[in-house]
N, C-alpha and C. Protein backbone atom coordinates (compact mmCIF):
# COMPACT_ATOMS: atom_id res chain seq x y z
N LEU A 1 4.17 -13.80 10.63
CA LEU A 1 3.92 -14.82 9.71
C LEU A 1 4.10 -16.04 10.75
N LYS A 2 2.88 -17.07 10.54
CA LYS A 2 2.84 -17.99 11.31
C LYS A 2 2.13 -19.02 10.74
N ASP A 3 2.76 -20.28 10.63
CA ASP A 3 2.26 -21.37 9.65
C ASP A 3 1.79 -20.95 8.57
N GLY A 4 2.46 -20.14 7.77
CA GLY A 4 2.11 -19.75 6.41
C GLY A 4 0.97 -18.76 6.48
N GLN A 5 0.50 -18.27 7.54
CA GLN A 5 -0.61 -17.26 7.54
C GLN A 5 0.03 -15.77 8.10
N GLN A 6 -0.39 -14.89 7.50
CA GLN A 6 0.19 -13.31 7.87
C GLN A 6 -0.93 -12.96 8.92
N TYR A 7 -0.36 -12.07 9.94
CA TYR A 7 -1.37 -11.53 10.72
C TYR A 7 -1.21 -10.05 10.75
N TRP A 8 -2.12 -9.25 11.47
CA TRP A 8 -1.82 -7.72 11.48
C TRP A 8 -2.06 -7.30 12.93
N LEU A 9 -1.42 -6.25 13.26
CA LEU A 9 -1.95 -6.01 14.80
C LEU A 9 -2.05 -4.32 14.85
N ASP A 10 -3.39 -4.42 15.36
CA ASP A 10 -4.11 -3.27 15.24
C ASP A 10 -4.62 -2.66 16.92
N ALA A 11 -5.33 -1.64 16.93
CA ALA A 11 -5.62 -1.38 18.46
C ALA A 11 -6.43 -2.37 19.09
N ARG A 12 -7.14 -3.40 18.30
CA ARG A 12 -7.80 -4.26 18.86
C ARG A 12 -7.12 -5.42 19.47
N GLY A 13 -5.86 -5.50 18.77
CA GLY A 13 -5.09 -6.81 19.03
C GLY A 13 -4.90 -7.36 17.67
N VAL A 14 -4.35 -8.70 17.67
CA VAL A 14 -4.03 -9.56 16.40
C VAL A 14 -5.15 -9.71 15.53
N GLN A 15 -5.06 -9.65 14.33
CA GLN A 15 -6.12 -9.61 13.38
C GLN A 15 -5.60 -10.62 12.17
N LYS A 16 -6.59 -11.52 11.50
CA LYS A 16 -6.18 -12.35 10.46
C LYS A 16 -6.28 -11.68 9.08
N ARG A 17 -6.80 -10.47 8.97
CA ARG A 17 -7.22 -9.75 7.87
C ARG A 17 -6.55 -8.28 8.23
N ILE A 18 -6.39 -7.67 6.94
CA ILE A 18 -6.11 -6.09 7.04
C ILE A 18 -7.20 -5.47 7.75
N PRO A 19 -6.74 -4.64 8.91
CA PRO A 19 -7.77 -4.19 9.76
C PRO A 19 -8.24 -2.89 8.88
N PRO A 20 -9.46 -2.48 8.98
CA PRO A 20 -10.16 -1.28 8.45
C PRO A 20 -9.31 0.10 9.30
N LYS A 21 -9.06 0.94 8.62
CA LYS A 21 -8.51 2.13 8.91
C LYS A 21 -8.68 2.78 10.37
N GLU A 22 -10.01 2.73 10.51
CA GLU A 22 -10.52 3.11 11.78
C GLU A 22 -9.97 2.50 13.06
N PHE A 23 -9.29 1.42 13.02
CA PHE A 23 -8.45 0.55 13.98
C PHE A 23 -6.78 0.67 13.76
N HIS A 24 -6.55 1.53 12.47
CA HIS A 24 -4.88 1.53 12.68
C HIS A 24 -4.43 2.43 13.92
N PHE A 25 -3.22 2.35 14.12
CA PHE A 25 -2.77 3.10 15.37
C PHE A 25 -2.55 4.55 15.00
N LYS A 26 -2.95 5.33 15.63
CA LYS A 26 -2.94 6.96 15.24
C LYS A 26 -2.02 7.61 16.33
N LEU A 27 -1.51 8.67 15.52
CA LEU A 27 -0.53 9.85 16.39
C LEU A 27 -1.44 10.58 17.05
N ASN A 28 -0.95 10.72 18.24
CA ASN A 28 -1.91 11.84 19.05
C ASN A 28 -1.11 12.98 19.35
N VAL A 29 -0.93 13.94 18.47
CA VAL A 29 -0.16 15.51 18.64
C VAL A 29 -0.29 15.98 19.93
N ASN A 30 -1.59 15.71 20.65
CA ASN A 30 -1.85 16.40 21.88
C ASN A 30 -1.38 15.67 23.03
N HIS A 31 -0.91 14.45 22.93
CA HIS A 31 -0.58 13.74 24.05
C HIS A 31 0.76 14.28 24.91
N GLN A 32 0.52 14.27 26.26
CA GLN A 32 1.64 14.90 26.93
C GLN A 32 1.98 13.90 27.93
N PRO A 33 3.15 13.39 27.78
CA PRO A 33 3.46 12.22 28.88
C PRO A 33 4.01 12.89 30.12
N PRO A 34 4.08 12.06 31.04
CA PRO A 34 4.33 12.53 32.31
C PRO A 34 5.61 13.30 32.63
N SER A 35 5.83 14.14 33.46
CA SER A 35 7.26 14.97 33.45
C SER A 35 8.53 13.91 33.60
N TRP A 36 8.14 12.77 34.19
CA TRP A 36 9.44 11.97 34.53
C TRP A 36 9.85 11.20 33.14
N VAL A 37 8.96 11.11 32.29
CA VAL A 37 9.52 10.12 31.20
C VAL A 37 10.98 10.53 30.66
N PRO A 38 10.97 12.08 30.25
CA PRO A 38 12.54 12.18 29.45
C PRO A 38 13.67 11.68 30.43
N GLU A 39 13.54 11.35 31.59
CA GLU A 39 14.84 11.12 32.48
C GLU A 39 14.68 9.54 32.70
N GLN A 40 13.89 8.82 32.15
CA GLN A 40 13.91 7.51 32.12
C GLN A 40 14.56 6.63 30.88
N VAL A 41 14.90 5.28 31.47
CA VAL A 41 15.43 4.49 30.22
C VAL A 41 14.46 3.57 29.82
N PHE A 42 13.95 3.20 28.66
CA PHE A 42 13.17 2.21 28.40
C PHE A 42 13.66 1.06 27.61
N TYR A 43 13.34 -0.10 27.76
CA TYR A 43 14.05 -1.08 27.00
C TYR A 43 12.88 -1.95 26.45
N GLN A 44 13.26 -2.49 25.12
CA GLN A 44 12.18 -3.20 24.56
C GLN A 44 12.94 -4.64 24.42
N ILE A 45 12.23 -5.73 24.91
CA ILE A 45 12.62 -6.91 25.07
C ILE A 45 12.23 -7.78 24.09
N PHE A 46 13.00 -8.75 23.54
CA PHE A 46 12.79 -9.76 22.35
C PHE A 46 12.91 -10.91 23.12
N PRO A 47 11.56 -11.59 23.57
CA PRO A 47 11.90 -12.96 24.09
C PRO A 47 12.44 -13.90 23.24
N ASP A 48 12.13 -14.05 22.22
CA ASP A 48 12.69 -15.03 21.34
C ASP A 48 14.13 -15.08 21.20
N ARG A 49 14.87 -13.87 21.39
CA ARG A 49 16.21 -13.80 21.42
C ARG A 49 16.93 -13.76 22.80
N PHE A 50 16.15 -13.42 23.74
CA PHE A 50 16.71 -13.37 25.20
C PHE A 50 16.11 -14.33 26.00
N SER A 51 15.64 -15.52 25.68
CA SER A 51 14.96 -16.43 26.49
C SER A 51 16.23 -17.24 27.52
N ALA A 52 15.97 -17.21 28.62
CA ALA A 52 16.89 -17.88 29.74
C ALA A 52 17.13 -19.11 29.46
N SER A 53 16.28 -20.01 28.83
CA SER A 53 16.38 -21.54 28.28
C SER A 53 17.15 -21.73 27.18
N LYS A 54 17.43 -20.71 26.51
CA LYS A 54 18.37 -20.89 25.24
C LYS A 54 19.81 -20.92 25.66
N SER A 55 20.48 -21.82 24.82
CA SER A 55 22.01 -21.97 25.02
C SER A 55 22.60 -20.71 24.40
N GLU A 56 23.96 -20.54 24.53
CA GLU A 56 24.53 -19.49 23.95
C GLU A 56 24.80 -19.63 22.26
N SER A 57 24.88 -21.10 22.13
CA SER A 57 25.05 -21.38 20.52
C SER A 57 23.64 -21.16 20.06
N ASP A 58 22.62 -21.41 20.65
CA ASP A 58 21.29 -21.33 19.94
C ASP A 58 21.01 -19.80 19.76
N ILE A 59 21.42 -18.96 20.59
CA ILE A 59 21.49 -17.55 20.29
C ILE A 59 22.09 -17.11 19.09
N ARG A 60 23.52 -17.60 19.16
CA ARG A 60 24.49 -17.35 18.15
C ARG A 60 23.75 -17.65 16.86
N HIS A 61 23.23 -18.99 16.87
CA HIS A 61 22.43 -19.28 15.38
C HIS A 61 21.28 -18.47 15.06
N ALA A 62 20.51 -18.12 16.01
CA ALA A 62 19.50 -16.99 15.87
C ALA A 62 19.78 -15.81 15.03
N TYR A 63 20.99 -15.25 15.51
CA TYR A 63 21.37 -14.16 14.87
C TYR A 63 22.10 -14.45 13.60
N ALA A 64 22.73 -15.46 13.51
CA ALA A 64 23.35 -15.88 12.04
C ALA A 64 22.37 -15.92 10.99
N GLN A 65 21.07 -16.33 11.03
CA GLN A 65 20.26 -16.41 9.98
C GLN A 65 19.85 -15.03 9.49
N TYR A 66 20.26 -13.96 10.09
CA TYR A 66 19.99 -12.60 9.63
C TYR A 66 21.14 -12.01 8.89
N ASP A 67 21.99 -12.74 8.61
CA ASP A 67 23.25 -12.14 7.76
C ASP A 67 23.03 -12.01 6.52
N SER A 68 22.19 -12.54 5.94
CA SER A 68 21.62 -12.37 4.43
C SER A 68 21.42 -10.92 4.25
N ALA A 69 21.43 -10.62 2.82
CA ALA A 69 21.13 -9.26 2.38
C ALA A 69 19.69 -9.02 2.58
N SER A 70 19.42 -7.46 2.71
CA SER A 70 18.24 -6.83 3.09
C SER A 70 17.29 -7.25 1.75
N VAL A 71 16.02 -7.27 1.98
CA VAL A 71 15.13 -7.39 0.68
C VAL A 71 14.12 -6.40 0.79
N VAL A 72 13.99 -5.38 0.07
CA VAL A 72 13.01 -4.40 0.00
C VAL A 72 11.98 -4.57 -0.65
N LYS A 73 10.73 -4.51 0.10
CA LYS A 73 9.35 -4.96 -0.32
C LYS A 73 8.48 -3.71 -0.17
N GLY A 74 7.47 -3.92 -1.09
CA GLY A 74 6.35 -2.76 -0.96
C GLY A 74 5.55 -2.73 0.20
N TRP A 75 4.82 -1.93 0.55
CA TRP A 75 4.07 -1.71 2.06
C TRP A 75 3.05 -2.93 2.13
N GLY A 76 2.66 -3.43 0.96
CA GLY A 76 1.26 -4.24 1.21
C GLY A 76 1.86 -5.73 0.65
N ASP A 77 3.31 -5.94 0.29
CA ASP A 77 3.76 -7.17 -0.07
C ASP A 77 3.49 -8.28 1.08
N ALA A 78 3.24 -9.52 0.70
CA ALA A 78 3.24 -10.44 1.68
C ALA A 78 4.68 -10.57 2.46
N VAL A 79 4.89 -11.00 3.74
CA VAL A 79 6.00 -11.24 4.60
C VAL A 79 6.72 -12.71 4.22
N GLY A 80 7.86 -12.77 4.08
CA GLY A 80 8.24 -14.08 3.88
C GLY A 80 9.17 -14.26 2.35
């Protein structure tokens, strides 16, 4: 959600409208990862939370905003 506008991510990139099903991400059950994959460690980096330019108090404030209760929404409901 950016500037009140909702976006979707599909195989083509970021979209302003719900993408057609042919562009949804698909599970490939025949995919064989390289043999070295099970022995590796992977990290997912969240730049908005680990930016080197943010002070420790900024980071604490970013986490504090998520201390409220969870809100359960339907799959197609608007975010926000």
